[in-house]
N, C-alpha and C. Protein backbone atom coordinates (compact mmCIF):
# COMPACT_ATOMS: atom_id res chain seq x y z
N MET A 1 -20.25 -15.26 1.50
CA MET A 1 -19.09 -14.87 0.70
C MET A 1 -17.80 -15.22 1.47
N MET A 2 -16.89 -15.85 0.77
CA MET A 2 -15.60 -16.20 1.39
C MET A 2 -14.68 -14.97 1.39
N LEU A 3 -14.06 -14.75 2.53
CA LEU A 3 -13.09 -13.67 2.63
C LEU A 3 -11.72 -14.27 2.91
N LYS A 4 -10.71 -13.74 2.24
CA LYS A 4 -9.35 -14.26 2.39
C LYS A 4 -8.42 -13.18 2.89
N GLU A 5 -7.21 -13.61 3.26
CA GLU A 5 -6.21 -12.61 3.62
C GLU A 5 -4.91 -12.88 2.88
N PHE A 6 -4.16 -11.81 2.68
CA PHE A 6 -2.89 -11.88 1.97
C PHE A 6 -1.84 -11.20 2.82
N LYS A 7 -0.71 -11.87 2.95
CA LYS A 7 0.38 -11.37 3.78
C LYS A 7 1.67 -11.48 2.98
N THR A 8 2.47 -10.43 2.99
CA THR A 8 3.75 -10.49 2.28
C THR A 8 4.73 -9.51 2.91
N ARG A 9 5.97 -9.62 2.48
CA ARG A 9 7.04 -8.75 2.98
C ARG A 9 7.95 -8.43 1.81
N VAL A 10 8.38 -7.18 1.76
CA VAL A 10 9.32 -6.78 0.71
C VAL A 10 10.41 -5.92 1.37
N LYS A 11 11.63 -6.06 0.88
CA LYS A 11 12.73 -5.23 1.37
C LYS A 11 13.18 -4.31 0.25
N ILE A 12 13.26 -3.03 0.58
CA ILE A 12 13.56 -2.01 -0.42
C ILE A 12 14.80 -1.25 0.01
N LYS A 13 15.77 -1.18 -0.89
CA LYS A 13 17.01 -0.45 -0.59
C LYS A 13 16.77 1.02 -0.88
N ALA A 14 16.40 1.77 0.16
CA ALA A 14 16.08 3.19 0.02
C ALA A 14 15.99 3.80 1.41
N GLU A 15 15.84 5.12 1.44
CA GLU A 15 15.66 5.82 2.72
C GLU A 15 14.23 5.63 3.21
N MET A 16 14.07 5.57 4.54
CA MET A 16 12.74 5.40 5.14
C MET A 16 11.76 6.47 4.65
N GLU A 17 12.19 7.73 4.63
CA GLU A 17 11.30 8.82 4.23
C GLU A 17 10.77 8.60 2.81
N ASP A 18 11.65 8.10 1.93
CA ASP A 18 11.25 7.88 0.54
C ASP A 18 10.27 6.71 0.43
N VAL A 19 10.51 5.67 1.20
CA VAL A 19 9.61 4.51 1.18
C VAL A 19 8.23 4.92 1.71
N TYR A 20 8.22 5.62 2.83
CA TYR A 20 6.95 6.05 3.42
C TYR A 20 6.19 6.96 2.45
N ALA A 21 6.92 7.87 1.81
CA ALA A 21 6.29 8.79 0.84
C ALA A 21 5.69 8.04 -0.34
N ALA A 22 6.30 6.94 -0.73
CA ALA A 22 5.80 6.16 -1.87
C ALA A 22 4.42 5.57 -1.59
N PHE A 23 4.07 5.42 -0.32
CA PHE A 23 2.76 4.90 0.07
C PHE A 23 1.78 6.01 0.44
N THR A 24 2.28 7.20 0.80
CA THR A 24 1.41 8.21 1.40
C THR A 24 1.37 9.54 0.66
N ASN A 25 2.35 9.84 -0.19
CA ASN A 25 2.41 11.14 -0.86
C ASN A 25 1.82 11.01 -2.26
N PRO A 26 0.74 11.76 -2.56
CA PRO A 26 0.10 11.59 -3.87
C PRO A 26 1.02 11.87 -5.06
N PHE A 27 1.97 12.79 -4.89
CA PHE A 27 2.90 13.10 -5.98
C PHE A 27 3.84 11.92 -6.24
N THR A 28 4.35 11.33 -5.16
CA THR A 28 5.23 10.17 -5.30
C THR A 28 4.46 8.98 -5.87
N ILE A 29 3.23 8.78 -5.41
CA ILE A 29 2.41 7.67 -5.91
C ILE A 29 2.21 7.80 -7.42
N GLU A 30 1.97 9.04 -7.88
CA GLU A 30 1.79 9.24 -9.32
C GLU A 30 3.07 8.90 -10.09
N LEU A 31 4.22 9.20 -9.50
CA LEU A 31 5.49 8.89 -10.17
C LEU A 31 5.68 7.39 -10.40
N TRP A 32 5.37 6.56 -9.39
CA TRP A 32 5.59 5.11 -9.58
C TRP A 32 4.41 4.37 -10.20
N SER A 33 3.19 4.93 -10.04
CA SER A 33 2.01 4.22 -10.57
C SER A 33 1.63 4.68 -11.97
N GLY A 34 2.02 5.91 -12.29
CA GLY A 34 1.66 6.46 -13.60
C GLY A 34 0.29 7.10 -13.64
N TYR A 35 -0.39 7.15 -12.48
CA TYR A 35 -1.73 7.73 -12.44
C TYR A 35 -1.83 8.72 -11.28
N PRO A 36 -2.63 9.78 -11.46
CA PRO A 36 -2.88 10.68 -10.35
C PRO A 36 -3.53 9.91 -9.20
N ALA A 37 -3.23 10.31 -7.98
CA ALA A 37 -3.79 9.64 -6.80
C ALA A 37 -4.27 10.68 -5.80
N THR A 38 -5.27 10.29 -5.03
CA THR A 38 -5.71 11.08 -3.89
C THR A 38 -5.28 10.30 -2.66
N MET A 39 -4.41 10.89 -1.84
CA MET A 39 -3.91 10.17 -0.66
C MET A 39 -3.52 11.19 0.40
N SER A 40 -3.77 10.82 1.64
CA SER A 40 -3.43 11.68 2.77
C SER A 40 -3.06 10.77 3.94
N THR A 41 -2.40 11.33 4.93
CA THR A 41 -2.09 10.55 6.13
C THR A 41 -3.08 10.90 7.25
N GLU A 42 -4.08 11.69 6.93
CA GLU A 42 -5.05 12.11 7.94
C GLU A 42 -6.09 11.02 8.18
N SER A 43 -6.28 10.65 9.44
CA SER A 43 -7.27 9.62 9.78
C SER A 43 -8.65 10.02 9.28
N GLY A 44 -9.34 9.08 8.66
CA GLY A 44 -10.69 9.34 8.14
C GLY A 44 -10.73 9.89 6.74
N SER A 45 -9.57 10.31 6.20
CA SER A 45 -9.56 10.87 4.85
C SER A 45 -9.73 9.76 3.82
N GLU A 46 -10.39 10.10 2.73
CA GLU A 46 -10.62 9.15 1.64
C GLU A 46 -9.39 9.10 0.74
N PHE A 47 -9.16 7.93 0.12
CA PHE A 47 -8.10 7.86 -0.86
C PHE A 47 -8.59 7.14 -2.10
N SER A 48 -7.89 7.37 -3.20
CA SER A 48 -8.26 6.77 -4.48
C SER A 48 -7.00 6.67 -5.34
N MET A 49 -6.83 5.50 -5.97
CA MET A 49 -5.69 5.26 -6.85
C MET A 49 -6.15 4.56 -8.12
N TRP A 50 -5.34 4.64 -9.15
CA TRP A 50 -5.65 4.00 -10.43
C TRP A 50 -7.07 4.34 -10.89
N GLU A 51 -7.34 5.64 -10.96
CA GLU A 51 -8.63 6.16 -11.44
C GLU A 51 -9.80 5.54 -10.70
N GLY A 52 -9.61 5.30 -9.39
CA GLY A 52 -10.70 4.80 -8.56
C GLY A 52 -10.79 3.28 -8.48
N ASP A 53 -9.89 2.56 -9.17
CA ASP A 53 -9.90 1.09 -9.07
C ASP A 53 -9.65 0.65 -7.63
N ILE A 54 -8.86 1.43 -6.91
CA ILE A 54 -8.65 1.19 -5.48
C ILE A 54 -9.12 2.44 -4.75
N ALA A 55 -10.00 2.25 -3.78
CA ALA A 55 -10.50 3.39 -3.01
C ALA A 55 -10.83 2.93 -1.60
N GLY A 56 -10.79 3.89 -0.68
CA GLY A 56 -11.11 3.57 0.70
C GLY A 56 -10.83 4.76 1.58
N HIS A 57 -10.56 4.50 2.86
CA HIS A 57 -10.18 5.60 3.73
C HIS A 57 -9.05 5.20 4.67
N VAL A 58 -8.35 6.23 5.11
CA VAL A 58 -7.21 6.04 6.01
C VAL A 58 -7.75 5.87 7.43
N VAL A 59 -7.41 4.74 8.06
CA VAL A 59 -7.79 4.52 9.44
C VAL A 59 -6.78 5.22 10.35
N GLU A 60 -5.50 5.02 10.03
CA GLU A 60 -4.44 5.62 10.84
C GLU A 60 -3.13 5.60 10.06
N ALA A 61 -2.34 6.64 10.23
CA ALA A 61 -1.00 6.66 9.64
C ALA A 61 -0.05 7.28 10.65
N LEU A 62 1.04 6.57 10.89
CA LEU A 62 2.06 7.06 11.81
C LEU A 62 3.36 7.14 11.02
N GLU A 63 3.88 8.35 10.85
CA GLU A 63 4.99 8.60 9.94
C GLU A 63 6.16 7.65 10.14
N ASN A 64 6.58 7.02 9.04
CA ASN A 64 7.72 6.10 8.99
C ASN A 64 7.53 4.85 9.87
N LYS A 65 6.30 4.62 10.35
CA LYS A 65 6.03 3.45 11.21
C LYS A 65 5.00 2.51 10.60
N HIS A 66 3.79 3.04 10.39
CA HIS A 66 2.75 2.19 9.81
C HIS A 66 1.64 3.01 9.18
N MET A 67 0.83 2.30 8.39
CA MET A 67 -0.33 2.89 7.75
C MET A 67 -1.42 1.83 7.74
N ILE A 68 -2.62 2.22 8.16
CA ILE A 68 -3.76 1.30 8.15
C ILE A 68 -4.85 1.94 7.30
N GLN A 69 -5.36 1.16 6.34
CA GLN A 69 -6.40 1.66 5.44
C GLN A 69 -7.55 0.66 5.42
N GLU A 70 -8.74 1.20 5.15
CA GLU A 70 -9.87 0.34 4.83
C GLU A 70 -10.11 0.47 3.33
N TRP A 71 -10.16 -0.67 2.64
CA TRP A 71 -10.43 -0.67 1.21
C TRP A 71 -11.88 -1.01 0.97
N TYR A 72 -12.50 -0.32 0.02
CA TYR A 72 -13.92 -0.56 -0.29
C TYR A 72 -14.07 -1.65 -1.35
N PHE A 73 -14.91 -2.63 -1.05
CA PHE A 73 -15.24 -3.68 -2.02
C PHE A 73 -16.75 -3.82 -2.17
N GLY A 74 -17.47 -2.72 -2.04
CA GLY A 74 -18.93 -2.84 -2.08
C GLY A 74 -19.43 -3.39 -0.75
N PRO A 75 -20.69 -3.80 -0.70
CA PRO A 75 -21.26 -4.20 0.59
C PRO A 75 -20.69 -5.53 1.08
N GLN A 76 -20.02 -5.50 2.21
CA GLN A 76 -19.62 -6.73 2.88
C GLN A 76 -19.57 -6.44 4.37
N GLU A 77 -19.85 -7.47 5.16
CA GLU A 77 -20.01 -7.27 6.60
C GLU A 77 -18.71 -6.82 7.26
N GLU A 78 -17.62 -7.48 6.92
CA GLU A 78 -16.36 -7.14 7.56
C GLU A 78 -15.50 -6.31 6.62
N GLN A 79 -15.02 -5.17 7.13
CA GLN A 79 -14.21 -4.29 6.31
C GLN A 79 -12.92 -4.98 5.87
N SER A 80 -12.48 -4.62 4.68
CA SER A 80 -11.20 -5.11 4.17
C SER A 80 -10.12 -4.13 4.64
N ILE A 81 -9.22 -4.62 5.48
CA ILE A 81 -8.23 -3.75 6.12
C ILE A 81 -6.83 -4.06 5.60
N VAL A 82 -6.11 -2.99 5.24
CA VAL A 82 -4.72 -3.10 4.82
C VAL A 82 -3.86 -2.48 5.92
N THR A 83 -2.91 -3.28 6.43
CA THR A 83 -1.96 -2.78 7.42
C THR A 83 -0.56 -2.89 6.83
N ILE A 84 0.13 -1.77 6.77
CA ILE A 84 1.49 -1.75 6.23
C ILE A 84 2.41 -1.23 7.32
N LYS A 85 3.44 -2.01 7.65
CA LYS A 85 4.40 -1.60 8.68
C LYS A 85 5.77 -1.44 8.05
N PHE A 86 6.50 -0.44 8.54
CA PHE A 86 7.82 -0.11 7.99
C PHE A 86 8.89 -0.30 9.07
N PHE A 87 9.97 -1.01 8.71
CA PHE A 87 11.06 -1.26 9.65
C PHE A 87 12.39 -0.96 8.97
N THR A 88 13.30 -0.31 9.69
CA THR A 88 14.64 -0.08 9.17
C THR A 88 15.48 -1.34 9.41
N GLN A 89 16.14 -1.82 8.35
CA GLN A 89 17.00 -3.00 8.42
C GLN A 89 18.45 -2.57 8.23
N SER A 90 19.37 -3.47 8.53
CA SER A 90 20.77 -3.15 8.26
C SER A 90 21.01 -3.14 6.75
N GLY A 91 22.08 -2.50 6.34
CA GLY A 91 22.42 -2.47 4.91
C GLY A 91 21.58 -1.49 4.11
N GLY A 92 21.01 -0.51 4.79
CA GLY A 92 20.25 0.52 4.07
C GLY A 92 18.95 0.05 3.46
N LYS A 93 18.35 -0.98 4.05
CA LYS A 93 17.09 -1.49 3.51
C LYS A 93 15.94 -1.19 4.47
N ILE A 94 14.78 -1.00 3.87
CA ILE A 94 13.55 -0.83 4.63
C ILE A 94 12.70 -2.07 4.38
N GLN A 95 12.27 -2.68 5.47
CA GLN A 95 11.38 -3.84 5.37
C GLN A 95 9.94 -3.34 5.45
N VAL A 96 9.13 -3.78 4.49
CA VAL A 96 7.72 -3.41 4.45
C VAL A 96 6.91 -4.68 4.65
N ASP A 97 6.15 -4.75 5.74
CA ASP A 97 5.27 -5.88 6.01
C ASP A 97 3.85 -5.48 5.68
N LEU A 98 3.19 -6.29 4.87
CA LEU A 98 1.84 -5.99 4.42
C LEU A 98 0.89 -7.10 4.86
N LEU A 99 -0.24 -6.71 5.42
CA LEU A 99 -1.32 -7.65 5.72
C LEU A 99 -2.61 -7.05 5.19
N HIS A 100 -3.27 -7.78 4.30
CA HIS A 100 -4.55 -7.33 3.74
C HIS A 100 -5.59 -8.38 4.11
N THR A 101 -6.56 -8.01 4.95
CA THR A 101 -7.55 -8.96 5.43
C THR A 101 -8.91 -8.74 4.77
N ASN A 102 -9.75 -9.79 4.85
CA ASN A 102 -11.13 -9.73 4.36
C ASN A 102 -11.24 -9.30 2.90
N ILE A 103 -10.47 -9.98 2.05
CA ILE A 103 -10.53 -9.75 0.61
C ILE A 103 -11.60 -10.69 0.05
N PRO A 104 -12.56 -10.18 -0.70
CA PRO A 104 -13.56 -11.06 -1.30
C PRO A 104 -12.89 -12.10 -2.21
N ASP A 105 -13.39 -13.31 -2.13
CA ASP A 105 -12.82 -14.43 -2.87
C ASP A 105 -12.62 -14.11 -4.35
N GLU A 106 -13.63 -13.49 -4.96
CA GLU A 106 -13.56 -13.25 -6.42
C GLU A 106 -12.52 -12.20 -6.78
N ALA A 107 -12.10 -11.38 -5.81
CA ALA A 107 -11.11 -10.34 -6.09
C ALA A 107 -9.70 -10.76 -5.69
N TYR A 108 -9.58 -11.92 -5.01
CA TYR A 108 -8.32 -12.28 -4.36
C TYR A 108 -7.13 -12.35 -5.33
N GLU A 109 -7.28 -13.08 -6.43
CA GLU A 109 -6.13 -13.25 -7.34
C GLU A 109 -5.67 -11.92 -7.92
N ASP A 110 -6.63 -11.07 -8.29
CA ASP A 110 -6.29 -9.75 -8.83
C ASP A 110 -5.59 -8.90 -7.78
N ILE A 111 -6.06 -8.98 -6.54
CA ILE A 111 -5.47 -8.18 -5.46
C ILE A 111 -4.03 -8.63 -5.19
N VAL A 112 -3.82 -9.94 -5.11
CA VAL A 112 -2.46 -10.45 -4.84
C VAL A 112 -1.51 -10.04 -5.97
N GLU A 113 -1.96 -10.23 -7.20
CA GLU A 113 -1.14 -9.84 -8.35
C GLU A 113 -0.87 -8.33 -8.32
N GLY A 114 -1.90 -7.56 -7.97
CA GLY A 114 -1.76 -6.11 -7.90
C GLY A 114 -0.73 -5.69 -6.85
N TRP A 115 -0.83 -6.30 -5.66
CA TRP A 115 0.14 -5.98 -4.60
C TRP A 115 1.56 -6.33 -5.05
N ASN A 116 1.75 -7.53 -5.56
CA ASN A 116 3.09 -8.01 -5.90
C ASN A 116 3.71 -7.25 -7.06
N ASP A 117 2.92 -6.99 -8.09
CA ASP A 117 3.47 -6.41 -9.32
C ASP A 117 3.26 -4.90 -9.40
N SER A 118 2.00 -4.48 -9.37
CA SER A 118 1.66 -3.09 -9.66
C SER A 118 1.91 -2.15 -8.49
N TYR A 119 1.92 -2.69 -7.26
CA TYR A 119 2.02 -1.81 -6.08
C TYR A 119 3.40 -1.96 -5.45
N LEU A 120 3.62 -3.01 -4.68
CA LEU A 120 4.91 -3.19 -3.99
C LEU A 120 6.06 -3.33 -4.98
N GLY A 121 5.86 -4.12 -6.01
CA GLY A 121 6.90 -4.32 -7.02
C GLY A 121 7.28 -3.02 -7.70
N ALA A 122 6.26 -2.22 -8.01
CA ALA A 122 6.50 -0.94 -8.69
C ALA A 122 7.23 0.05 -7.77
N ILE A 123 6.86 0.06 -6.50
CA ILE A 123 7.54 0.95 -5.54
C ILE A 123 9.00 0.54 -5.39
N LYS A 124 9.24 -0.75 -5.24
CA LYS A 124 10.61 -1.25 -5.07
C LYS A 124 11.46 -0.86 -6.29
N GLU A 125 10.92 -1.13 -7.47
CA GLU A 125 11.65 -0.83 -8.70
C GLU A 125 11.93 0.66 -8.82
N PHE A 126 10.91 1.48 -8.56
CA PHE A 126 11.02 2.94 -8.65
C PHE A 126 12.09 3.46 -7.69
N LEU A 127 12.05 3.05 -6.43
CA LEU A 127 12.97 3.58 -5.43
C LEU A 127 14.39 3.05 -5.60
N GLU A 128 14.51 1.80 -6.00
CA GLU A 128 15.86 1.25 -6.14
C GLU A 128 16.57 1.77 -7.38
N VAL A 129 15.81 2.08 -8.41
CA VAL A 129 16.40 2.72 -9.60
C VAL A 129 16.83 4.14 -9.24
N GLU A 130 15.97 4.85 -8.48
CA GLU A 130 16.26 6.22 -8.08
C GLU A 130 17.53 6.32 -7.23
N SER A 131 17.78 5.30 -6.41
CA SER A 131 18.88 5.41 -5.44
C SER A 131 20.24 4.98 -6.00
N ARG A 132 20.24 4.52 -7.26
CA ARG A 132 21.52 4.09 -7.84
C ARG A 132 22.40 5.26 -8.19
């Protein structure tokens, strides 16, 4: 099975705490995604979003710095790892760097579209509308 990786960066005009919460707080996730979510920053805790379409566990979360998750794609030798890093930029923007490794080939296009539109795009839109 071919495994791919996806890397992207988005800049969001918002406070760091709000950006971090959009990735880690289940109440905030529900606000931008429209679905209840199970999410924690505790290492080893399980998470689930979009009624279980995305599920996995938290490897590590460091407040306002980074979050590392393992995403479940059924049986595969190498875990699919999502690393999200947060950086404060000038002009009131937060830079979010995303690296998602070991994505199964057949899921790749859906995952990329999901990250760009339904996940990162939705968070950016939600937070930038809120901050106006």
